[in-house]
C-alpha atoms as a PDB file:
ATOM      1  CA  MET A   1      76.433  71.237 -47.313  1.00  0.00           C
ATOM      2  CA  ILE A   2      78.124  74.172 -45.656  1.00  0.00           C
ATOM      3  CA  TYR A   3      76.154  77.143 -44.343  1.00  0.00           C
ATOM      4  CA  LYS A   4      77.610  80.496 -43.304  1.00  0.00           C
ATOM      5  CA  VAL A   5      76.579  81.550 -39.864  1.00  0.00           C
ATOM      6  CA  LEU A   6      76.798  84.890 -37.976  1.00  0.00           C
ATOM      7  CA  LEU A   7      78.144  84.661 -34.471  1.00  0.00           C
ATOM      8  CA  VAL A   8      77.506  87.618 -32.134  1.00  0.00           C
ATOM      9  CA  LYS A   9      78.774  88.069 -28.547  1.00  0.00           C
ATOM     10  CA  VAL A  10      76.010  89.144 -26.209  1.00  0.00           C
ATOM     11  CA  ASP A  11      76.774  90.757 -22.931  1.00  0.00           C
ATOM     12  CA  VAL A  12      73.156  91.311 -21.684  1.00  0.00           C
ATOM     13  CA  GLY A  13      70.937  88.557 -20.596  1.00  0.00           C
ATOM     14  CA  PRO A  14      67.210  88.326 -19.824  1.00  0.00           C
ATOM     15  CA  GLN A  15      65.664  91.335 -18.191  1.00  0.00           C
ATOM     16  CA  GLY A  16      68.901  93.317 -18.640  1.00  0.00           C
ATOM     17  CA  HIS A  17      70.973  91.224 -16.246  1.00  0.00           C
ATOM     18  CA  PRO A  18      74.709  91.109 -17.155  1.00  0.00           C
ATOM     19  CA  HIS A  19      75.519  87.814 -18.906  1.00  0.00           C
ATOM     20  CA  VAL A  20      78.120  86.903 -21.506  1.00  0.00           C
ATOM     21  CA  GLY A  21      77.037  84.487 -24.188  1.00  0.00           C
ATOM     22  CA  TYR A  22      76.812  84.022 -27.925  1.00  0.00           C
ATOM     23  CA  ALA A  23      73.964  84.191 -30.391  1.00  0.00           C
ATOM     24  CA  VAL A  24      74.407  82.623 -33.751  1.00  0.00           C
ATOM     25  CA  GLY A  25      72.128  82.708 -36.743  1.00  0.00           C
ATOM     26  CA  CYS A  26      72.135  81.248 -40.316  1.00  0.00           C
ATOM     27  CA  PRO A  27      71.192  84.116 -42.829  1.00  0.00           C
ATOM     28  CA  ALA A  28      70.422  81.491 -45.479  1.00  0.00           C
ATOM     29  CA  LEU A  29      67.651  79.946 -43.232  1.00  0.00           C
ATOM     30  CA  PRO A  30      65.326  82.717 -41.985  1.00  0.00           C
ATOM     31  CA  GLY A  31      64.499  82.367 -38.332  1.00  0.00           C
ATOM     32  CA  CYS A  32      67.199  79.804 -37.694  1.00  0.00           C
ATOM     33  CA  TRP A  33      69.024  80.947 -34.539  1.00  0.00           C
ATOM     34  CA  ALA A  34      70.792  79.378 -31.591  1.00  0.00           C
ATOM     35  CA  GLN A  35      72.702  80.505 -28.549  1.00  0.00           C
ATOM     36  CA  GLY A  36      75.303  79.281 -26.109  1.00  0.00           C
ATOM     37  CA  ASP A  37      77.496  80.339 -23.144  1.00  0.00           C
ATOM     38  CA  THR A  38      80.666  79.857 -25.278  1.00  0.00           C
ATOM     39  CA  GLU A  39      81.484  80.185 -28.948  1.00  0.00           C
ATOM     40  CA  HIS A  40      81.894  76.420 -29.108  1.00  0.00           C
ATOM     41  CA  GLU A  41      78.562  75.709 -27.481  1.00  0.00           C
ATOM     42  CA  ALA A  42      76.747  78.277 -29.720  1.00  0.00           C
ATOM     43  CA  LEU A  43      78.271  76.630 -32.861  1.00  0.00           C
ATOM     44  CA  ILE A  44      77.272  73.180 -31.800  1.00  0.00           C
ATOM     45  CA  ASN A  45      73.733  74.473 -31.109  1.00  0.00           C
ATOM     46  CA  ILE A  46      73.448  76.163 -34.472  1.00  0.00           C
ATOM     47  CA  GLN A  47      74.419  72.822 -36.211  1.00  0.00           C
ATOM     48  CA  TYR A  48      71.570  71.155 -34.439  1.00  0.00           C
ATOM     49  CA  ALA A  49      69.295  74.051 -35.229  1.00  0.00           C
ATOM     50  CA  ILE A  50      70.133  73.915 -38.964  1.00  0.00           C
ATOM     51  CA  SER A  51      69.558  70.176 -39.031  1.00  0.00           C
ATOM     52  CA  GLU A  52      66.140  70.541 -37.377  1.00  0.00           C
ATOM     53  CA  TYR A  53      65.282  73.468 -39.606  1.00  0.00           C
ATOM     54  CA  LEU A  54      66.109  71.448 -42.768  1.00  0.00           C
ATOM     55  CA  SER A  55      64.163  68.511 -41.504  1.00  0.00           C
ATOM     56  CA  VAL A  56      61.017  70.469 -40.901  1.00  0.00           C
ATOM     57  CA  ARG A  57      61.417  72.347 -44.198  1.00  0.00           C
ATOM     58  CA  ASP A  58      61.714  69.001 -46.116  1.00  0.00           C
ATOM     59  CA  THR A  59      58.664  67.651 -44.367  1.00  0.00           C
ATOM     60  CA  LEU A  60      56.602  70.768 -45.164  1.00  0.00           C
ATOM     61  CA  ILE A  61      57.777  70.752 -48.812  1.00  0.00           C
ATOM     62  CA  LEU A  62      57.351  67.046 -49.386  1.00  0.00           C
ATOM     63  CA  GLY A  63      54.438  66.581 -47.072  1.00  0.00           C
ATOM     64  CA  ASP A  64      52.001  63.799 -47.313  1.00  0.00           C
ATOM     65  CA  GLU A  65      51.143  63.732 -51.007  1.00  0.00           C
ATOM     66  CA  ARG A  66      47.567  62.772 -51.858  1.00  0.00           C
ATOM     67  CA  ASP A  67      45.107  62.979 -54.770  1.00  0.00           C
ATOM     68  CA  VAL A  68      42.169  65.257 -54.229  1.00  0.00           C
ATOM     69  CA  GLU A  69      38.997  65.107 -56.285  1.00  0.00           C
ATOM     70  CA  ILE A  70      37.498  68.430 -57.116  1.00  0.00           C
ATOM     71  CA  PRO A  71      33.740  68.183 -57.207  1.00  0.00           C
ATOM     72  CA  THR A  72      31.731  69.946 -59.938  1.00  0.00           C
ATOM     73  CA  VAL A  73      30.115  73.143 -58.852  1.00  0.00           C
ATOM     74  CA  PRO A  74      26.390  72.918 -58.872  1.00  0.00           C
ATOM     75  CA  GLN A  75      25.797  76.684 -59.445  1.00  0.00           C
ATOM     76  CA  PRO A  76      27.630  79.231 -61.478  1.00  0.00           C
ATOM     77  CA  VAL A  77      30.730  80.622 -59.728  1.00  0.00           C
ATOM     78  CA  PRO A  78      29.710  84.267 -59.977  1.00  0.00           C
ATOM     79  CA  GLN A  79      26.506  83.544 -58.091  1.00  0.00           C
ATOM     80  CA  ARG A  80      28.483  81.734 -55.334  1.00  0.00           C
ATOM     81  CA  ILE A  81      30.748  84.797 -55.058  1.00  0.00           C
ATOM     82  CA  ALA A  82      27.734  87.095 -54.814  1.00  0.00           C
ATOM     83  CA  ASP A  83      26.280  84.921 -51.996  1.00  0.00           C
ATOM     84  CA  TRP A  84      29.604  84.921 -50.134  1.00  0.00           C
ATOM     85  CA  GLU A  85      29.949  88.699 -50.426  1.00  0.00           C
ATOM     86  CA  ALA A  86      26.391  89.118 -49.181  1.00  0.00           C
ATOM     87  CA  GLY A  87      27.190  86.922 -46.150  1.00  0.00           C
ATOM     88  CA  VAL A  88      30.388  88.947 -45.434  1.00  0.00           C
ATOM     89  CA  ARG A  89      28.473  92.221 -45.498  1.00  0.00           C
ATOM     90  CA  LYS A  90      26.029  90.830 -42.940  1.00  0.00           C
ATOM     91  CA  THR A  91      28.802  89.685 -40.519  1.00  0.00           C
ATOM     92  CA  LEU A  92      31.319  92.460 -40.819  1.00  0.00           C
ATOM     93  CA  ARG A  93      30.811  95.993 -39.482  1.00  0.00           C
ATOM     94  CA  VAL A  94      31.812  98.493 -42.113  1.00  0.00           C
ATOM     95  CA  LEU A  95      33.639 101.472 -40.617  1.00  0.00           C
ATOM     96  CA  PRO A  96      33.188 105.000 -42.152  1.00  0.00           C
ATOM     97  CA  LYS A  97      36.000 106.489 -44.067  1.00  0.00           C
ATOM     98  CA  GLY A  98      38.344 109.009 -42.466  1.00  0.00           C
END
């Protein structure tokens, strides 16, 4: 598959020191960025970054599929919610409005 990338020339390095390099991102994959000292290096690095991004995404989507048994609830759900809310009120400090 072909992904469009955005290549940006950067002339400021870490802590404001002058440094020429390139940053490259793939807008179709949020957070997928790479960099390099040359355009060629940045483009090679984004290919690797895209490959790793897709690998992780596929692992997270596919995951380790398992069957999970849902136990029956011994008490009515509204009572459990009321108990939970009472516990939250005891542990959280309520700030006044305004």
